[in-house]
């Protein structure tokens, strides 16, 4: 769902290797939650909050776009759903969040830490272009800019503590 740039991957793997050399048991396969579901829930809840600060004309645009997204998937659709959601929609998203919290709780009964990137890329030049069309290059492939939020959202959506540590 959210690939990481080779440079980020190399640094992350070096950190994992160092931890393994210190005799830690490494589990590189267990996935406590579905990443796509977690990102969808995160965006709906995040943009439900951010949308409160949008001007009325922008909100009207989001509301007008919502009916056309009945079957649409992806980050852009989840942003619109988040901004335009009713309270009952927020309740549904929050229920998804609570189920994911339980899954993470079970994960951390067997694991001490999750090592993940903060962002899928290293620092990049600031881009002032239109947010909805902005992209970011990951391994030379242009991906939607909103995907930069994936790794932070994975844990933030379920209120997990996080720390960023330099690894290279």
N, C-alpha and C. Protein backbone atom coordinates (compact mmCIF):
# COMPACT_ATOMS: atom_id res chain seq x y z
N UNK A 1 0.83 -1.20 0.00
CA UNK A 1 0.00 0.00 0.00
C UNK A 1 0.86 1.25 0.00
N UNK A 2 1.89 1.27 0.83
CA UNK A 2 2.74 2.46 0.88
C UNK A 2 4.20 2.03 0.84
N UNK A 3 4.73 1.91 -0.36
CA UNK A 3 6.14 1.51 -0.46
C UNK A 3 7.04 2.58 0.14
N UNK A 4 8.20 2.15 0.55
CA UNK A 4 9.18 3.09 1.08
C UNK A 4 10.34 3.19 0.09
N UNK A 5 10.91 4.38 0.03
CA UNK A 5 12.03 4.62 -0.86
C UNK A 5 13.21 3.73 -0.47
N UNK A 6 14.00 3.32 -1.44
CA UNK A 6 15.12 2.42 -1.19
C UNK A 6 16.05 2.95 -0.10
N UNK A 7 16.31 4.24 -0.11
CA UNK A 7 17.21 4.81 0.89
C UNK A 7 16.64 4.65 2.30
N UNK A 8 15.35 4.87 2.45
CA UNK A 8 14.69 4.68 3.75
C UNK A 8 14.72 3.20 4.12
N UNK A 9 14.44 2.33 3.16
CA UNK A 9 14.45 0.90 3.41
C UNK A 9 15.80 0.38 3.85
N UNK A 10 16.85 0.89 3.23
CA UNK A 10 18.21 0.47 3.60
C UNK A 10 18.52 0.87 5.04
N UNK A 11 18.17 2.07 5.42
CA UNK A 11 18.42 2.53 6.79
C UNK A 11 17.60 1.74 7.80
N UNK A 12 16.35 1.48 7.45
CA UNK A 12 15.48 0.71 8.33
C UNK A 12 16.01 -0.71 8.49
N UNK A 13 16.44 -1.32 7.39
CA UNK A 13 16.99 -2.68 7.47
C UNK A 13 18.27 -2.71 8.29
N UNK A 14 19.10 -1.68 8.18
CA UNK A 14 20.31 -1.61 9.00
C UNK A 14 19.96 -1.57 10.48
N UNK A 15 18.91 -0.84 10.83
CA UNK A 15 18.46 -0.79 12.24
C UNK A 15 17.96 -2.16 12.69
N UNK A 16 17.18 -2.82 11.83
CA UNK A 16 16.69 -4.16 12.17
C UNK A 16 17.86 -5.12 12.35
N UNK A 17 18.83 -5.06 11.47
CA UNK A 17 20.01 -5.93 11.57
C UNK A 17 20.77 -5.68 12.87
N UNK A 18 20.90 -4.43 13.26
CA UNK A 18 21.59 -4.10 14.51
C UNK A 18 20.84 -4.66 15.72
N UNK A 19 19.54 -4.56 15.68
CA UNK A 19 18.72 -5.10 16.77
C UNK A 19 18.84 -6.62 16.81
N UNK A 20 18.86 -7.25 15.66
CA UNK A 20 19.01 -8.71 15.59
C UNK A 20 20.37 -9.14 16.14
N UNK A 21 21.43 -8.39 15.82
CA UNK A 21 22.77 -8.71 16.35
C UNK A 21 22.82 -8.60 17.86
N UNK A 22 21.92 -7.81 18.43
CA UNK A 22 21.86 -7.67 19.89
C UNK A 22 20.99 -8.77 20.51
N UNK A 23 20.68 -9.79 19.72
CA UNK A 23 19.95 -10.99 20.16
C UNK A 23 18.45 -10.80 20.31
N UNK A 24 17.89 -9.78 19.71
CA UNK A 24 16.44 -9.62 19.74
C UNK A 24 15.81 -10.60 18.75
N UNK A 25 14.64 -11.07 19.09
CA UNK A 25 13.88 -11.92 18.18
C UNK A 25 13.13 -10.99 17.22
N UNK A 26 13.29 -11.20 15.93
CA UNK A 26 12.69 -10.35 14.91
C UNK A 26 11.54 -11.10 14.25
N UNK A 27 10.40 -10.46 14.15
CA UNK A 27 9.24 -11.01 13.46
C UNK A 27 8.90 -10.04 12.34
N UNK A 28 9.24 -10.40 11.12
CA UNK A 28 9.02 -9.51 9.98
C UNK A 28 7.75 -9.84 9.21
N UNK A 29 6.93 -10.73 9.74
CA UNK A 29 5.76 -11.16 8.97
C UNK A 29 4.42 -10.81 9.61
N UNK A 30 4.34 -10.71 10.92
CA UNK A 30 3.06 -10.47 11.58
C UNK A 30 2.55 -9.07 11.27
N UNK A 31 1.31 -9.00 10.86
CA UNK A 31 0.65 -7.72 10.58
C UNK A 31 -0.61 -7.67 11.43
N UNK A 32 -0.61 -6.89 12.51
CA UNK A 32 -1.77 -6.87 13.40
C UNK A 32 -3.02 -6.28 12.79
N UNK A 33 -2.87 -5.38 11.83
CA UNK A 33 -4.04 -4.76 11.17
C UNK A 33 -3.77 -4.70 9.68
N UNK A 34 -4.83 -4.54 8.92
CA UNK A 34 -4.73 -4.34 7.49
C UNK A 34 -4.34 -2.88 7.24
N UNK A 35 -3.23 -2.67 6.57
CA UNK A 35 -2.74 -1.31 6.35
C UNK A 35 -3.70 -0.44 5.57
N UNK A 36 -4.35 -1.00 4.57
CA UNK A 36 -5.30 -0.22 3.77
C UNK A 36 -6.48 0.22 4.62
N UNK A 37 -6.99 -0.67 5.46
CA UNK A 37 -8.11 -0.31 6.33
C UNK A 37 -7.68 0.75 7.34
N UNK A 38 -6.50 0.57 7.92
CA UNK A 38 -6.02 1.54 8.91
C UNK A 38 -5.87 2.92 8.28
N UNK A 39 -5.33 2.98 7.05
CA UNK A 39 -5.14 4.27 6.39
C UNK A 39 -6.48 4.91 6.06
N UNK A 40 -7.44 4.11 5.62
CA UNK A 40 -8.77 4.63 5.31
C UNK A 40 -9.42 5.22 6.55
N UNK A 41 -9.37 4.51 7.65
CA UNK A 41 -9.96 4.99 8.90
C UNK A 41 -9.24 6.25 9.37
N UNK A 42 -7.91 6.23 9.30
CA UNK A 42 -7.13 7.39 9.72
C UNK A 42 -7.54 8.64 8.93
N UNK A 43 -7.62 8.51 7.60
CA UNK A 43 -7.97 9.68 6.79
C UNK A 43 -9.38 10.17 7.07
N UNK A 44 -10.31 9.27 7.26
CA UNK A 44 -11.69 9.68 7.56
C UNK A 44 -11.76 10.43 8.89
N UNK A 45 -11.06 9.93 9.88
CA UNK A 45 -11.09 10.61 11.18
C UNK A 45 -10.29 11.91 11.14
N UNK A 46 -9.13 11.89 10.50
CA UNK A 46 -8.29 13.09 10.41
C UNK A 46 -9.01 14.21 9.67
N UNK A 47 -9.57 13.90 8.50
CA UNK A 47 -10.21 14.94 7.72
C UNK A 47 -11.57 15.33 8.28
N UNK A 48 -12.14 14.50 9.13
CA UNK A 48 -13.32 14.91 9.86
C UNK A 48 -13.01 16.06 10.80
N UNK A 49 -11.79 16.06 11.33
CA UNK A 49 -11.35 17.14 12.21
C UNK A 49 -10.86 18.34 11.38
N UNK A 50 -9.99 18.08 10.41
CA UNK A 50 -9.44 19.17 9.60
C UNK A 50 -10.52 19.94 8.85
N UNK A 51 -11.55 19.23 8.40
CA UNK A 51 -12.61 19.86 7.63
C UNK A 51 -13.33 20.96 8.39
N UNK A 52 -13.31 20.87 9.71
CA UNK A 52 -13.97 21.91 10.50
C UNK A 52 -13.37 23.29 10.28
N UNK A 53 -12.14 23.35 9.83
CA UNK A 53 -11.50 24.63 9.59
C UNK A 53 -11.57 25.09 8.15
N UNK A 54 -12.20 24.32 7.28
CA UNK A 54 -12.28 24.70 5.86
C UNK A 54 -13.35 25.77 5.68
N UNK A 55 -13.18 26.65 4.70
CA UNK A 55 -14.19 27.67 4.43
C UNK A 55 -15.47 27.03 3.89
N UNK A 56 -16.60 27.69 4.08
CA UNK A 56 -17.88 27.14 3.64
C UNK A 56 -17.91 26.71 2.17
N UNK A 57 -17.29 27.47 1.30
CA UNK A 57 -17.29 27.10 -0.12
C UNK A 57 -16.56 25.77 -0.35
N UNK A 58 -15.47 25.57 0.34
CA UNK A 58 -14.73 24.31 0.22
C UNK A 58 -15.56 23.15 0.76
N UNK A 59 -16.21 23.37 1.89
CA UNK A 59 -17.07 22.32 2.46
C UNK A 59 -18.20 21.96 1.51
N UNK A 60 -18.77 22.95 0.87
CA UNK A 60 -19.84 22.70 -0.10
C UNK A 60 -19.32 21.87 -1.27
N UNK A 61 -18.09 22.11 -1.68
CA UNK A 61 -17.48 21.33 -2.75
C UNK A 61 -17.29 19.87 -2.35
N UNK A 62 -16.82 19.66 -1.13
CA UNK A 62 -16.66 18.29 -0.63
C UNK A 62 -18.03 17.59 -0.56
N UNK A 63 -19.02 18.30 -0.03
CA UNK A 63 -20.36 17.72 0.09
C UNK A 63 -20.93 17.38 -1.29
N UNK A 64 -20.69 18.22 -2.28
CA UNK A 64 -21.19 17.97 -3.63
C UNK A 64 -20.50 16.77 -4.27
N UNK A 65 -19.24 16.55 -3.93
CA UNK A 65 -18.49 15.43 -4.50
C UNK A 65 -18.85 14.10 -3.86
N UNK A 66 -19.35 14.12 -2.65
CA UNK A 66 -19.58 12.88 -1.89
C UNK A 66 -20.47 11.86 -2.60
N UNK A 67 -21.62 12.24 -3.18
CA UNK A 67 -22.48 11.22 -3.80
C UNK A 67 -21.81 10.42 -4.92
N UNK A 68 -20.87 11.03 -5.61
CA UNK A 68 -20.21 10.33 -6.72
C UNK A 68 -19.18 9.31 -6.24
N UNK A 69 -18.94 9.26 -4.94
CA UNK A 69 -17.91 8.38 -4.40
C UNK A 69 -18.46 7.12 -3.74
N UNK A 70 -19.69 6.78 -4.03
CA UNK A 70 -20.34 5.65 -3.35
C UNK A 70 -19.48 4.39 -3.38
N UNK A 71 -18.87 4.09 -4.50
CA UNK A 71 -18.08 2.86 -4.62
C UNK A 71 -16.58 3.14 -4.72
N UNK A 72 -16.20 4.38 -4.66
CA UNK A 72 -14.79 4.75 -4.85
C UNK A 72 -13.95 4.35 -3.64
N UNK A 73 -12.73 3.94 -3.94
CA UNK A 73 -11.77 3.61 -2.88
C UNK A 73 -10.55 4.51 -3.06
N UNK A 74 -9.77 4.61 -2.02
CA UNK A 74 -8.52 5.35 -2.11
C UNK A 74 -8.50 6.57 -1.22
N UNK A 75 -7.31 7.15 -1.13
CA UNK A 75 -7.08 8.25 -0.20
C UNK A 75 -7.93 9.47 -0.52
N UNK A 76 -8.04 9.85 -1.80
CA UNK A 76 -8.83 11.03 -2.14
C UNK A 76 -10.28 10.86 -1.72
N UNK A 77 -10.84 9.67 -1.98
CA UNK A 77 -12.23 9.40 -1.60
C UNK A 77 -12.38 9.44 -0.08
N UNK A 78 -11.42 8.90 0.65
CA UNK A 78 -11.50 8.91 2.11
C UNK A 78 -11.37 10.32 2.68
N UNK A 79 -10.60 11.18 2.03
CA UNK A 79 -10.52 12.57 2.46
C UNK A 79 -11.89 13.24 2.32
N UNK A 80 -12.54 13.05 1.17
CA UNK A 80 -13.85 13.64 0.94
C UNK A 80 -14.85 13.08 1.95
N UNK A 81 -14.83 11.77 2.15
CA UNK A 81 -15.74 11.16 3.12
C UNK A 81 -15.50 11.72 4.52
N UNK A 82 -14.25 11.93 4.86
CA UNK A 82 -13.93 12.46 6.18
C UNK A 82 -14.47 13.86 6.38
N UNK A 83 -14.24 14.72 5.40
CA UNK A 83 -14.71 16.10 5.52
C UNK A 83 -16.23 16.16 5.55
N UNK A 84 -16.89 15.32 4.76
CA UNK A 84 -18.35 15.41 4.59
C UNK A 84 -19.14 14.48 5.50
N UNK A 85 -18.48 13.73 6.34
CA UNK A 85 -19.20 12.72 7.12
C UNK A 85 -20.16 13.33 8.13
N UNK A 86 -21.20 12.57 8.40
CA UNK A 86 -22.12 12.90 9.47
C UNK A 86 -21.60 12.24 10.74
N UNK A 87 -22.15 12.59 11.85
CA UNK A 87 -21.69 12.01 13.10
C UNK A 87 -21.82 10.49 13.10
N UNK A 88 -22.88 9.97 12.53
CA UNK A 88 -23.05 8.50 12.49
C UNK A 88 -21.95 7.85 11.67
N UNK A 89 -21.45 8.53 10.64
CA UNK A 89 -20.33 8.00 9.86
C UNK A 89 -19.06 8.00 10.70
N UNK A 90 -18.88 9.05 11.49
CA UNK A 90 -17.73 9.12 12.38
C UNK A 90 -17.78 7.97 13.40
N UNK A 91 -18.97 7.66 13.89
CA UNK A 91 -19.13 6.56 14.84
C UNK A 91 -18.68 5.24 14.21
N UNK A 92 -19.04 5.01 12.96
CA UNK A 92 -18.62 3.79 12.26
C UNK A 92 -17.10 3.76 12.15
N UNK A 93 -16.48 4.87 11.75
CA UNK A 93 -15.02 4.92 11.65
C UNK A 93 -14.38 4.70 13.01
N UNK A 94 -14.95 5.27 14.04
CA UNK A 94 -14.41 5.08 15.38
C UNK A 94 -14.53 3.62 15.83
N UNK A 95 -15.61 2.94 15.44
CA UNK A 95 -15.74 1.51 15.74
C UNK A 95 -14.63 0.71 15.07
N UNK A 96 -14.30 1.07 13.81
CA UNK A 96 -13.17 0.42 13.13
C UNK A 96 -11.90 0.65 13.92
N UNK A 97 -11.71 1.89 14.37
CA UNK A 97 -10.53 2.23 15.16
C UNK A 97 -10.46 1.36 16.41
N UNK A 98 -11.58 1.20 17.10
CA UNK A 98 -11.57 0.42 18.35
C UNK A 98 -11.22 -1.05 18.08
N UNK A 99 -11.71 -1.61 16.98
CA UNK A 99 -11.34 -2.99 16.63
C UNK A 99 -9.84 -3.08 16.35
N UNK A 100 -9.29 -2.10 15.68
CA UNK A 100 -7.84 -2.09 15.42
C UNK A 100 -7.06 -1.94 16.72
N UNK A 101 -7.56 -1.17 17.64
CA UNK A 101 -6.89 -1.03 18.94
C UNK A 101 -6.79 -2.38 19.64
N UNK A 102 -7.86 -3.17 19.56
CA UNK A 102 -7.83 -4.51 20.15
C UNK A 102 -6.79 -5.39 19.46
N UNK A 103 -6.71 -5.31 18.14
CA UNK A 103 -5.73 -6.09 17.39
C UNK A 103 -4.31 -5.69 17.77
N UNK A 104 -4.07 -4.38 17.89
CA UNK A 104 -2.73 -3.93 18.31
C UNK A 104 -2.44 -4.37 19.74
N UNK A 105 -3.45 -4.34 20.61
CA UNK A 105 -3.24 -4.81 21.98
C UNK A 105 -2.80 -6.25 22.01
N UNK A 106 -3.43 -7.09 21.18
CA UNK A 106 -3.03 -8.50 21.10
C UNK A 106 -1.61 -8.62 20.55
N UNK A 107 -1.28 -7.81 19.55
CA UNK A 107 0.07 -7.83 18.97
C UNK A 107 1.13 -7.55 20.04
N UNK A 108 0.87 -6.54 20.86
CA UNK A 108 1.88 -6.15 21.84
C UNK A 108 1.92 -7.05 23.07
N UNK A 109 1.08 -8.07 23.13
CA UNK A 109 1.27 -9.09 24.17
C UNK A 109 2.41 -10.03 23.79
N UNK A 110 2.74 -10.10 22.50
CA UNK A 110 3.80 -10.97 22.01
C UNK A 110 5.02 -10.21 21.47
N UNK A 111 4.87 -8.91 21.27
CA UNK A 111 5.94 -8.10 20.67
C UNK A 111 6.19 -6.89 21.56
N UNK A 112 7.45 -6.49 21.62
CA UNK A 112 7.82 -5.34 22.44
C UNK A 112 7.84 -4.03 21.67
N UNK A 113 8.07 -4.10 20.37
CA UNK A 113 8.22 -2.87 19.59
C UNK A 113 7.85 -3.14 18.14
N UNK A 114 7.38 -2.10 17.48
CA UNK A 114 7.18 -2.12 16.03
C UNK A 114 8.16 -1.11 15.46
N UNK A 115 9.01 -1.57 14.57
CA UNK A 115 9.95 -0.68 13.92
C UNK A 115 9.43 -0.39 12.52
N UNK A 116 9.17 0.86 12.23
CA UNK A 116 8.60 1.27 10.95
C UNK A 116 9.16 2.63 10.58
N UNK A 117 9.12 2.97 9.30
CA UNK A 117 9.59 4.30 8.92
C UNK A 117 8.62 5.38 9.39
N UNK A 118 9.14 6.57 9.56
CA UNK A 118 8.29 7.71 9.88
C UNK A 118 7.58 8.18 8.62
N UNK A 119 8.31 8.21 7.54
CA UNK A 119 7.81 8.65 6.24
C UNK A 119 8.37 7.69 5.19
N UNK A 120 7.73 7.59 4.03
CA UNK A 120 8.24 6.68 3.00
C UNK A 120 9.44 7.22 2.23
N UNK A 121 9.78 8.50 2.44
CA UNK A 121 10.91 9.10 1.73
C UNK A 121 11.77 9.90 2.71
N UNK A 122 12.96 10.21 2.25
CA UNK A 122 13.79 11.16 2.99
C UNK A 122 13.25 12.56 2.70
N UNK A 123 13.86 13.56 3.31
CA UNK A 123 13.42 14.94 3.10
C UNK A 123 13.43 15.28 1.61
N UNK A 124 12.49 16.11 1.20
CA UNK A 124 12.34 16.47 -0.21
C UNK A 124 12.03 17.96 -0.30
N UNK A 125 12.23 18.57 -1.46
CA UNK A 125 11.93 20.00 -1.61
C UNK A 125 10.45 20.28 -1.37
N UNK A 126 10.17 21.40 -0.73
CA UNK A 126 8.79 21.77 -0.46
C UNK A 126 8.05 22.03 -1.77
N UNK A 127 6.81 21.61 -1.81
CA UNK A 127 6.00 21.70 -3.02
C UNK A 127 4.75 22.51 -2.70
N UNK A 128 4.54 23.60 -3.43
CA UNK A 128 3.38 24.45 -3.20
C UNK A 128 2.26 24.21 -4.20
N UNK A 129 2.35 23.14 -4.98
CA UNK A 129 1.31 22.88 -5.97
C UNK A 129 0.01 22.45 -5.29
N UNK A 130 -1.05 22.34 -6.08
CA UNK A 130 -2.36 21.94 -5.57
C UNK A 130 -2.24 20.60 -4.85
N UNK A 131 -2.71 20.57 -3.61
CA UNK A 131 -2.55 19.39 -2.76
C UNK A 131 -3.17 18.14 -3.37
N UNK A 132 -4.33 18.27 -3.98
CA UNK A 132 -5.04 17.09 -4.48
C UNK A 132 -4.36 16.47 -5.70
N UNK A 133 -3.49 17.20 -6.37
CA UNK A 133 -2.78 16.66 -7.53
C UNK A 133 -1.29 16.48 -7.27
N UNK A 134 -0.83 16.88 -6.12
CA UNK A 134 0.59 16.79 -5.77
C UNK A 134 1.01 15.33 -5.66
N UNK A 135 2.22 15.03 -6.11
CA UNK A 135 2.75 13.68 -5.99
C UNK A 135 4.12 13.72 -5.31
N UNK A 136 4.56 12.55 -4.90
CA UNK A 136 5.89 12.40 -4.30
C UNK A 136 6.54 11.18 -4.95
N UNK A 137 7.80 11.30 -5.31
CA UNK A 137 8.50 10.18 -5.96
C UNK A 137 9.02 9.21 -4.90
N UNK A 138 8.63 7.95 -5.06
CA UNK A 138 9.13 6.87 -4.21
C UNK A 138 9.74 5.84 -5.15
N UNK A 139 11.06 5.69 -5.04
CA UNK A 139 11.80 4.81 -5.96
C UNK A 139 11.52 5.17 -7.42
N UNK A 140 11.40 6.47 -7.69
CA UNK A 140 11.20 6.93 -9.05
C UNK A 140 9.77 6.87 -9.56
N UNK A 141 8.85 6.40 -8.74
CA UNK A 141 7.44 6.29 -9.13
C UNK A 141 6.65 7.39 -8.43
N UNK A 142 5.86 8.14 -9.19
CA UNK A 142 5.04 9.20 -8.60
C UNK A 142 3.84 8.60 -7.89
N UNK A 143 3.72 8.88 -6.60
CA UNK A 143 2.59 8.43 -5.80
C UNK A 143 1.85 9.63 -5.23
N UNK A 144 0.57 9.47 -4.92
CA UNK A 144 -0.17 10.59 -4.32
C UNK A 144 0.54 11.10 -3.05
N UNK A 145 0.63 12.39 -2.96
CA UNK A 145 1.32 13.04 -1.83
C UNK A 145 0.74 12.61 -0.48
N UNK A 146 -0.56 12.38 -0.43
CA UNK A 146 -1.23 12.01 0.81
C UNK A 146 -0.67 10.72 1.39
N UNK A 147 -0.03 9.90 0.57
CA UNK A 147 0.55 8.66 1.07
C UNK A 147 1.68 8.91 2.06
N UNK A 148 2.20 10.13 2.08
CA UNK A 148 3.22 10.47 3.07
C UNK A 148 2.69 10.28 4.50
N UNK A 149 1.38 10.31 4.67
CA UNK A 149 0.79 10.17 6.00
C UNK A 149 0.60 8.72 6.44
N UNK A 150 0.82 7.76 5.55
CA UNK A 150 0.50 6.37 5.85
C UNK A 150 1.16 5.87 7.13
N UNK A 151 2.48 5.97 7.23
CA UNK A 151 3.18 5.36 8.36
C UNK A 151 2.83 6.03 9.68
N UNK A 152 2.69 7.34 9.68
CA UNK A 152 2.28 8.03 10.90
C UNK A 152 0.86 7.64 11.28
N UNK A 153 -0.01 7.52 10.28
CA UNK A 153 -1.40 7.18 10.53
C UNK A 153 -1.60 5.78 11.06
N UNK A 154 -0.72 4.86 10.69
CA UNK A 154 -0.85 3.47 11.11
C UNK A 154 -0.95 3.33 12.63
N UNK A 155 -0.18 4.10 13.34
CA UNK A 155 -0.19 4.02 14.80
C UNK A 155 -0.99 5.15 15.44
N UNK A 156 -0.99 6.31 14.81
CA UNK A 156 -1.71 7.45 15.37
C UNK A 156 -3.20 7.18 15.47
N UNK A 157 -3.77 6.53 14.48
CA UNK A 157 -5.21 6.30 14.45
C UNK A 157 -5.68 5.50 15.66
N UNK A 158 -4.81 4.70 16.24
CA UNK A 158 -5.20 3.87 17.39
C UNK A 158 -4.55 4.35 18.68
N UNK A 159 -4.06 5.58 18.69
CA UNK A 159 -3.50 6.22 19.88
C UNK A 159 -2.23 5.56 20.42
N UNK A 160 -1.48 4.86 19.58
CA UNK A 160 -0.26 4.25 20.06
C UNK A 160 0.83 5.31 20.22
N UNK A 161 1.64 5.16 21.24
CA UNK A 161 2.77 6.08 21.38
C UNK A 161 3.79 5.79 20.28
N UNK A 162 4.54 6.77 19.90
CA UNK A 162 5.55 6.59 18.87
C UNK A 162 6.73 7.48 19.19
N UNK A 163 7.88 7.06 18.73
CA UNK A 163 9.09 7.86 18.87
C UNK A 163 9.87 7.74 17.58
N UNK A 164 10.48 8.81 17.16
CA UNK A 164 11.34 8.80 15.97
C UNK A 164 12.78 8.81 16.44
N UNK A 165 13.54 7.86 15.95
CA UNK A 165 14.95 7.77 16.33
C UNK A 165 15.79 7.80 15.07
N UNK A 166 16.91 8.50 15.10
CA UNK A 166 17.79 8.51 13.91
C UNK A 166 18.38 7.13 13.70
N UNK A 167 18.36 6.66 12.47
CA UNK A 167 18.90 5.34 12.16
C UNK A 167 19.96 5.42 11.06
N UNK A 168 20.37 6.59 10.72
CA UNK A 168 21.42 6.65 9.71
C UNK A 168 21.74 8.03 9.30
